[in-house]
Amino acid sequence: MDNFGPVILIEVVLIFGGVLLFAWWQLRDLKKEREKDLKKREKNQSH
């Protein structure tokens, strides 16, 4: 195997996709936590 170009390209695409997926997952989780925190504050203020 003298030509590693396609293999390197596939690895780069997989790594980049994994990073994007991880970032999306973290932002989604952060949004859920903010909404949960907001509901908790509203509940505490109403009492």
N, C-alpha and C. Protein backbone atom coordinates (compact mmCIF):
# COMPACT_ATOMS: atom_id res chain seq x y z
N MET A 1 0.84 -1.19 0.00
CA MET A 1 0.00 0.00 0.00
C MET A 1 0.88 1.25 0.00
N ASP A 2 1.03 1.81 -1.14
CA ASP A 2 1.85 3.02 -1.26
C ASP A 2 1.01 4.29 -1.09
N ASN A 3 -0.28 4.18 -1.36
CA ASN A 3 -1.13 5.37 -1.34
C ASN A 3 -2.07 5.33 -0.13
N PHE A 4 -1.76 6.15 0.88
CA PHE A 4 -2.57 6.19 2.10
C PHE A 4 -3.57 7.34 2.09
N GLY A 5 -3.66 8.09 1.00
CA GLY A 5 -4.54 9.26 0.92
C GLY A 5 -5.98 8.97 1.28
N PRO A 6 -6.62 7.99 0.64
CA PRO A 6 -8.04 7.72 0.96
C PRO A 6 -8.25 7.31 2.41
N VAL A 7 -7.32 6.53 2.97
CA VAL A 7 -7.45 6.09 4.36
C VAL A 7 -7.36 7.29 5.30
N ILE A 8 -6.42 8.18 5.04
CA ILE A 8 -6.26 9.38 5.88
C ILE A 8 -7.49 10.27 5.75
N LEU A 9 -8.00 10.40 4.54
CA LEU A 9 -9.19 11.23 4.31
C LEU A 9 -10.39 10.68 5.09
N ILE A 10 -10.57 9.37 5.04
CA ILE A 10 -11.68 8.75 5.78
C ILE A 10 -11.52 8.97 7.28
N GLU A 11 -10.32 8.82 7.80
CA GLU A 11 -10.08 9.04 9.22
C GLU A 11 -10.36 10.49 9.62
N VAL A 12 -9.94 11.43 8.78
CA VAL A 12 -10.17 12.85 9.07
C VAL A 12 -11.67 13.13 9.11
N VAL A 13 -12.40 12.58 8.14
CA VAL A 13 -13.85 12.80 8.10
C VAL A 13 -14.52 12.19 9.33
N LEU A 14 -14.10 10.99 9.73
CA LEU A 14 -14.69 10.36 10.91
C LEU A 14 -14.38 11.14 12.19
N ILE A 15 -13.16 11.60 12.32
CA ILE A 15 -12.78 12.37 13.52
C ILE A 15 -13.54 13.69 13.56
N PHE A 16 -13.61 14.39 12.43
CA PHE A 16 -14.32 15.67 12.37
C PHE A 16 -15.80 15.47 12.66
N GLY A 17 -16.39 14.41 12.11
CA GLY A 17 -17.79 14.10 12.37
C GLY A 17 -18.02 13.78 13.84
N GLY A 18 -17.09 13.05 14.43
CA GLY A 18 -17.20 12.73 15.85
C GLY A 18 -17.13 13.97 16.72
N VAL A 19 -16.26 14.89 16.38
CA VAL A 19 -16.15 16.14 17.14
C VAL A 19 -17.44 16.95 17.01
N LEU A 20 -17.99 17.03 15.81
CA LEU A 20 -19.25 17.76 15.62
C LEU A 20 -20.39 17.11 16.39
N LEU A 21 -20.45 15.78 16.36
CA LEU A 21 -21.49 15.06 17.09
C LEU A 21 -21.36 15.30 18.59
N PHE A 22 -20.13 15.26 19.09
CA PHE A 22 -19.90 15.50 20.52
C PHE A 22 -20.31 16.92 20.91
N ALA A 23 -19.95 17.91 20.09
CA ALA A 23 -20.30 19.30 20.38
C ALA A 23 -21.82 19.48 20.38
N TRP A 24 -22.51 18.87 19.40
CA TRP A 24 -23.97 18.96 19.34
C TRP A 24 -24.59 18.35 20.59
N TRP A 25 -24.07 17.19 21.00
CA TRP A 25 -24.59 16.49 22.18
C TRP A 25 -24.42 17.35 23.43
N GLN A 26 -23.25 17.98 23.59
CA GLN A 26 -23.00 18.81 24.76
C GLN A 26 -23.91 20.04 24.78
N LEU A 27 -24.11 20.68 23.64
CA LEU A 27 -24.97 21.86 23.58
C LEU A 27 -26.42 21.49 23.88
N ARG A 28 -26.85 20.31 23.39
CA ARG A 28 -28.20 19.83 23.65
C ARG A 28 -28.38 19.57 25.14
N ASP A 29 -27.41 18.94 25.75
CA ASP A 29 -27.46 18.64 27.18
C ASP A 29 -27.47 19.94 27.99
N LEU A 30 -26.67 20.90 27.58
CA LEU A 30 -26.61 22.18 28.27
C LEU A 30 -27.96 22.89 28.21
N LYS A 31 -28.62 22.84 27.05
CA LYS A 31 -29.93 23.46 26.89
C LYS A 31 -30.96 22.81 27.82
N LYS A 32 -30.92 21.47 27.91
CA LYS A 32 -31.84 20.77 28.82
C LYS A 32 -31.60 21.19 30.26
N GLU A 33 -30.35 21.29 30.66
CA GLU A 33 -30.02 21.69 32.04
C GLU A 33 -30.50 23.11 32.33
N ARG A 34 -30.35 24.01 31.36
CA ARG A 34 -30.82 25.39 31.56
C ARG A 34 -32.33 25.43 31.73
N GLU A 35 -33.05 24.66 30.89
CA GLU A 35 -34.51 24.64 31.00
C GLU A 35 -34.95 24.06 32.34
N LYS A 36 -34.28 23.00 32.79
CA LYS A 36 -34.62 22.38 34.07
C LYS A 36 -34.36 23.37 35.21
N ASP A 37 -33.25 24.10 35.13
CA ASP A 37 -32.90 25.08 36.15
C ASP A 37 -33.92 26.22 36.18
N LEU A 38 -34.35 26.65 34.99
CA LEU A 38 -35.33 27.73 34.91
C LEU A 38 -36.66 27.30 35.53
N LYS A 39 -37.11 26.08 35.24
CA LYS A 39 -38.35 25.58 35.83
C LYS A 39 -38.24 25.49 37.35
N LYS A 40 -37.07 25.08 37.83
CA LYS A 40 -36.84 24.97 39.27
C LYS A 40 -36.93 26.35 39.92
N ARG A 41 -36.34 27.36 39.28
CA ARG A 41 -36.39 28.72 39.83
C ARG A 41 -37.83 29.24 39.86
N GLU A 42 -38.56 29.00 38.77
CA GLU A 42 -39.95 29.47 38.72
C GLU A 42 -40.79 28.80 39.80
N LYS A 43 -40.55 27.54 40.05
CA LYS A 43 -41.28 26.80 41.08
C LYS A 43 -40.95 27.37 42.46
N ASN A 44 -39.68 27.69 42.70
CA ASN A 44 -39.27 28.24 43.99
C ASN A 44 -39.81 29.64 44.20
N GLN A 45 -39.94 30.43 43.16
CA GLN A 45 -40.43 31.80 43.30
C GLN A 45 -41.95 31.81 43.56
N SER A 46 -42.65 30.81 43.06
CA SER A 46 -44.09 30.80 43.24
C SER A 46 -44.50 30.41 44.65
N HIS A 47 -43.60 29.79 45.41
CA HIS A 47 -43.93 29.40 46.79
C HIS A 47 -43.72 30.52 47.76
